[in-house]
């Protein structure tokens, strides 16, 4: 997952990829990302190239996208 971070010193915005392949939790009906482990990864301190600290920017995801699917038959 890619999150936006902004440097507190120089104000430059950076997109940083946060790996999530090892923090999945599996339930009976779904496979999702563990929110506690993800929040720990996002709160880790990161430094900019100029030496300042990066702070996570708030982003909006926009409206959800719905796709209509034809009825499926399972044998």
C-alpha atoms as a PDB file:
ATOM      1  CA  UNK A   1       0.000   0.000   0.000  1.00  0.00           C
ATOM      2  CA  UNK A   2       1.263   3.461  -0.838  1.00  0.00           C
ATOM      3  CA  UNK A   3       0.817   6.307   1.638  1.00  0.00           C
ATOM      4  CA  UNK A   4       1.651   9.987   1.335  1.00  0.00           C
ATOM      5  CA  UNK A   5       4.113  11.554   3.749  1.00  0.00           C
ATOM      6  CA  UNK A   6       5.216  15.193   4.017  1.00  0.00           C
ATOM      7  CA  UNK A   7       8.490  16.505   5.404  1.00  0.00           C
ATOM      8  CA  UNK A   8       8.124  18.886   8.346  1.00  0.00           C
ATOM      9  CA  UNK A   9      11.375  20.702   7.481  1.00  0.00           C
ATOM     10  CA  UNK A  10      11.316  21.249   3.706  1.00  0.00           C
ATOM     11  CA  UNK A  11       7.607  20.559   2.981  1.00  0.00           C
ATOM     12  CA  UNK A  12       8.286  18.030   0.202  1.00  0.00           C
ATOM     13  CA  UNK A  13       5.648  15.326  -0.294  1.00  0.00           C
ATOM     14  CA  UNK A  14       6.734  11.726  -0.798  1.00  0.00           C
ATOM     15  CA  UNK A  15       4.845   8.533  -1.575  1.00  0.00           C
ATOM     16  CA  UNK A  16       6.147   5.637   0.512  1.00  0.00           C
ATOM     17  CA  UNK A  17       5.211   2.008  -0.042  1.00  0.00           C
ATOM     18  CA  UNK A  18       4.305   0.188   3.165  1.00  0.00           C
ATOM     19  CA  UNK A  19       4.642  -3.610   2.804  1.00  0.00           C
ATOM     20  CA  UNK A  20       1.551  -5.500   3.969  1.00  0.00           C
ATOM     21  CA  UNK A  21       2.213  -9.016   2.681  1.00  0.00           C
ATOM     22  CA  UNK A  22       3.057 -10.353   6.143  1.00  0.00           C
ATOM     23  CA  UNK A  23       0.373  -8.666   8.286  1.00  0.00           C
ATOM     24  CA  UNK A  24      -2.764 -10.338   6.940  1.00  0.00           C
ATOM     25  CA  UNK A  25      -5.338 -11.904   9.211  1.00  0.00           C
ATOM     26  CA  UNK A  26      -7.529 -14.673   7.925  1.00  0.00           C
ATOM     27  CA  UNK A  27     -11.077 -15.238   9.089  1.00  0.00           C
ATOM     28  CA  UNK A  28     -13.704 -17.700   7.965  1.00  0.00           C
ATOM     29  CA  UNK A  29     -15.101 -15.476   5.224  1.00  0.00           C
ATOM     30  CA  UNK A  30     -12.391 -12.945   4.415  1.00  0.00           C
ATOM     31  CA  UNK A  31      -8.726 -12.135   4.194  1.00  0.00           C
ATOM     32  CA  UNK A  32      -7.806  -8.689   5.428  1.00  0.00           C
ATOM     33  CA  UNK A  33      -4.973  -6.599   6.776  1.00  0.00           C
ATOM     34  CA  UNK A  34      -4.499  -6.498  10.533  1.00  0.00           C
ATOM     35  CA  UNK A  35      -5.270  -2.846  11.433  1.00  0.00           C
ATOM     36  CA  UNK A  36      -3.152  -2.881  14.612  1.00  0.00           C
ATOM     37  CA  UNK A  37      -0.011  -4.043  12.826  1.00  0.00           C
ATOM     38  CA  UNK A  38      -0.661  -1.622   9.951  1.00  0.00           C
ATOM     39  CA  UNK A  39      -0.983   1.326  12.339  1.00  0.00           C
ATOM     40  CA  UNK A  40       2.336   0.346  13.963  1.00  0.00           C
ATOM     41  CA  UNK A  41       4.040   0.371  10.569  1.00  0.00           C
ATOM     42  CA  UNK A  42       2.534   3.724   9.663  1.00  0.00           C
ATOM     43  CA  UNK A  43       3.619   5.283  12.972  1.00  0.00           C
ATOM     44  CA  UNK A  44       7.293   4.306  12.529  1.00  0.00           C
ATOM     45  CA  UNK A  45       9.590   7.333  12.297  1.00  0.00           C
ATOM     46  CA  UNK A  46      10.806   8.137   8.791  1.00  0.00           C
ATOM     47  CA  UNK A  47      13.358  10.692   7.686  1.00  0.00           C
ATOM     48  CA  UNK A  48      13.453  12.876   4.591  1.00  0.00           C
ATOM     49  CA  UNK A  49      16.540  13.256   2.409  1.00  0.00           C
ATOM     50  CA  UNK A  50      17.057  16.723   3.937  1.00  0.00           C
ATOM     51  CA  UNK A  51      17.164  15.253   7.459  1.00  0.00           C
ATOM     52  CA  UNK A  52      13.679  16.330   8.556  1.00  0.00           C
ATOM     53  CA  UNK A  53      10.997  14.000   9.858  1.00  0.00           C
ATOM     54  CA  UNK A  54       8.224  12.742   7.600  1.00  0.00           C
ATOM     55  CA  UNK A  55       4.648  13.033   8.819  1.00  0.00           C
ATOM     56  CA  UNK A  56       1.775  11.050   7.295  1.00  0.00           C
ATOM     57  CA  UNK A  57      -0.721  13.045   5.254  1.00  0.00           C
ATOM     58  CA  UNK A  58      -4.434  12.410   5.490  1.00  0.00           C
ATOM     59  CA  UNK A  59      -5.859  11.168   2.218  1.00  0.00           C
ATOM     60  CA  UNK A  60      -9.355  10.522   0.948  1.00  0.00           C
ATOM     61  CA  UNK A  61     -10.238   7.370  -0.909  1.00  0.00           C
ATOM     62  CA  UNK A  62     -13.140   8.850  -2.838  1.00  0.00           C
ATOM     63  CA  UNK A  63     -16.416   7.144  -3.583  1.00  0.00           C
ATOM     64  CA  UNK A  64     -16.556   3.324  -3.593  1.00  0.00           C
ATOM     65  CA  UNK A  65     -16.778   1.639  -6.976  1.00  0.00           C
ATOM     66  CA  UNK A  66     -19.474  -0.989  -7.489  1.00  0.00           C
ATOM     67  CA  UNK A  67     -19.374  -3.473 -10.331  1.00  0.00           C
ATOM     68  CA  UNK A  68     -22.427  -5.407 -11.420  1.00  0.00           C
ATOM     69  CA  UNK A  69     -21.712  -9.091 -11.924  1.00  0.00           C
ATOM     70  CA  UNK A  70     -23.905 -11.606 -13.756  1.00  0.00           C
ATOM     71  CA  UNK A  71     -25.361 -14.424 -11.666  1.00  0.00           C
ATOM     72  CA  UNK A  72     -22.947 -17.302 -11.304  1.00  0.00           C
ATOM     73  CA  UNK A  73     -23.746 -20.965 -10.834  1.00  0.00           C
ATOM     74  CA  UNK A  74     -21.589 -23.243  -8.766  1.00  0.00           C
ATOM     75  CA  UNK A  75     -21.797 -26.976  -9.261  1.00  0.00           C
END
